[in-house]
């Protein structure tokens, strides 16, 4: 059975398939990178909470940054949300976004079988 958390747009914020949760794009809002990345993690946690899955169950993320200069801060923020040595696998890249105010997006995969 496949379960989806829909959005008003043409994608789901999450799709549950078996023991895995595929997280669609999550972005934050705010004037600064700091505000946006913390807001992004809030949105990720809200999505996972709807499925009773903790953030710790995220096993893979892709982070898309508008500017590579934000990479050091992104590294530090991941330490705020994940325990040392329990980080998800990650790929980080830079890109332009359709929304000019967007500074980052995150998508990924969580494992639902751990809870």
Protein backbone atom coordinates (compact mmCIF):
# COMPACT_ATOMS: atom_id res chain seq x y z
CA UNK A 1 0.00 0.00 0.00
CA UNK A 2 1.22 3.50 -0.85
CA UNK A 3 0.26 6.44 1.36
CA UNK A 4 0.81 10.08 0.36
CA UNK A 5 0.85 13.39 2.20
CA UNK A 6 -0.38 15.72 -0.48
CA UNK A 7 0.36 19.40 -1.04
CA UNK A 8 -1.59 22.01 -2.99
CA UNK A 9 1.07 21.61 -5.70
CA UNK A 10 1.95 18.85 -8.16
CA UNK A 11 4.01 16.82 -5.67
CA UNK A 12 3.58 15.06 -2.32
CA UNK A 13 5.52 16.18 0.74
CA UNK A 14 5.96 12.48 1.53
CA UNK A 15 5.13 9.13 0.00
CA UNK A 16 5.16 6.02 2.17
CA UNK A 17 5.95 2.83 0.28
CA UNK A 18 6.57 -0.22 2.42
CA UNK A 19 9.09 0.58 5.14
CA UNK A 20 10.35 3.72 3.41
CA UNK A 21 9.20 7.32 3.35
CA UNK A 22 10.25 9.35 0.34
CA UNK A 23 10.34 13.01 1.31
CA UNK A 24 9.53 15.53 -1.40
CA UNK A 25 10.99 18.99 -1.45
CA UNK A 26 10.93 20.86 1.83
CA UNK A 27 11.94 24.49 1.99
CA UNK A 28 11.89 27.13 4.65
CA UNK A 29 10.92 30.73 4.72
CA UNK A 30 12.61 33.75 6.23
CA UNK A 31 14.96 36.55 5.31
CA UNK A 32 18.21 34.76 6.13
CA UNK A 33 19.74 31.36 5.46
CA UNK A 34 19.63 30.67 9.21
CA UNK A 35 15.89 31.28 9.35
CA UNK A 36 15.24 29.25 6.23
CA UNK A 37 17.23 26.16 7.23
CA UNK A 38 15.66 25.96 10.69
CA UNK A 39 12.22 26.51 9.14
CA UNK A 40 12.98 23.74 6.63
CA UNK A 41 13.78 21.33 9.45
CA UNK A 42 10.55 22.35 11.19
CA UNK A 43 8.63 21.45 8.05
CA UNK A 44 10.47 18.13 7.72
CA UNK A 45 9.67 17.28 11.33
CA UNK A 46 5.99 18.22 10.84
CA UNK A 47 5.77 15.94 7.81
CA UNK A 48 7.41 13.06 9.66
CA UNK A 49 5.24 13.66 12.75
CA UNK A 50 2.15 13.09 10.62
CA UNK A 51 3.53 9.60 10.04
CA UNK A 52 4.73 9.06 13.64
CA UNK A 53 8.32 8.89 12.44
CA UNK A 54 11.15 10.70 14.26
CA UNK A 55 13.71 12.81 12.42
CA UNK A 56 16.34 10.27 13.52
CA UNK A 57 14.83 7.82 11.02
CA UNK A 58 15.94 9.97 8.08
CA UNK A 59 18.58 7.90 6.32
CA UNK A 60 19.33 9.97 3.19
CA UNK A 61 18.99 13.64 2.27
CA UNK A 62 19.77 15.80 -0.71
CA UNK A 63 20.42 19.42 0.15
CA UNK A 64 20.21 22.03 -2.58
CA UNK A 65 21.83 25.36 -1.71
CA UNK A 66 21.49 28.56 -3.68
CA UNK A 67 24.99 29.59 -2.57
CA UNK A 68 27.95 27.39 -1.67
CA UNK A 69 28.93 30.03 0.93
CA UNK A 70 26.10 28.65 3.12
CA UNK A 71 27.71 25.19 3.31
CA UNK A 72 29.62 25.76 6.60
CA UNK A 73 26.46 26.97 8.37
CA UNK A 74 24.48 24.06 6.91
CA UNK A 75 27.07 21.66 8.36
CA UNK A 76 26.65 23.24 11.81
CA UNK A 77 22.86 23.17 11.66
CA UNK A 78 22.86 19.44 10.87
CA UNK A 79 24.64 19.01 14.23
CA UNK A 80 21.66 20.74 15.89
CA UNK A 81 19.19 18.19 14.52
CA UNK A 82 21.14 14.91 14.41
CA UNK A 83 23.34 13.21 16.98
CA UNK A 84 27.06 12.98 16.27
CA UNK A 85 27.79 9.83 14.26
CA UNK A 86 24.07 9.39 13.45
CA UNK A 87 23.83 11.71 10.46
CA UNK A 88 21.89 10.66 7.37
CA UNK A 89 23.76 9.96 4.15
CA UNK A 90 23.85 13.27 2.30
CA UNK A 91 24.51 14.84 -1.05
CA UNK A 92 24.80 18.63 -1.22
CA UNK A 93 24.77 20.68 -4.40
CA UNK A 94 24.14 24.24 -5.50
CA UNK A 95 21.44 25.39 -7.88
CA UNK A 96 19.18 28.27 -8.82
CA UNK A 97 15.56 28.09 -7.70
CA UNK A 98 12.36 29.12 -9.42
CA UNK A 99 11.44 31.14 -6.30
CA UNK A 100 14.02 33.91 -6.05
CA UNK A 101 13.69 34.13 -2.23
CA UNK A 102 14.51 30.41 -1.76
CA UNK A 103 17.98 29.76 -0.33
CA UNK A 104 17.76 25.96 0.13
CA UNK A 105 15.64 22.86 -0.32
CA UNK A 106 15.93 19.41 1.21
CA UNK A 107 14.45 16.09 0.12
CA UNK A 108 15.28 12.59 1.28
CA UNK A 109 14.33 9.15 2.49
CA UNK A 110 13.33 7.96 5.95
CA UNK A 111 13.04 4.40 7.21
CA UNK A 112 9.75 3.85 8.95
CA UNK A 113 10.61 0.42 10.32
CA UNK A 114 12.79 1.69 13.19
CA UNK A 115 10.04 3.04 15.45
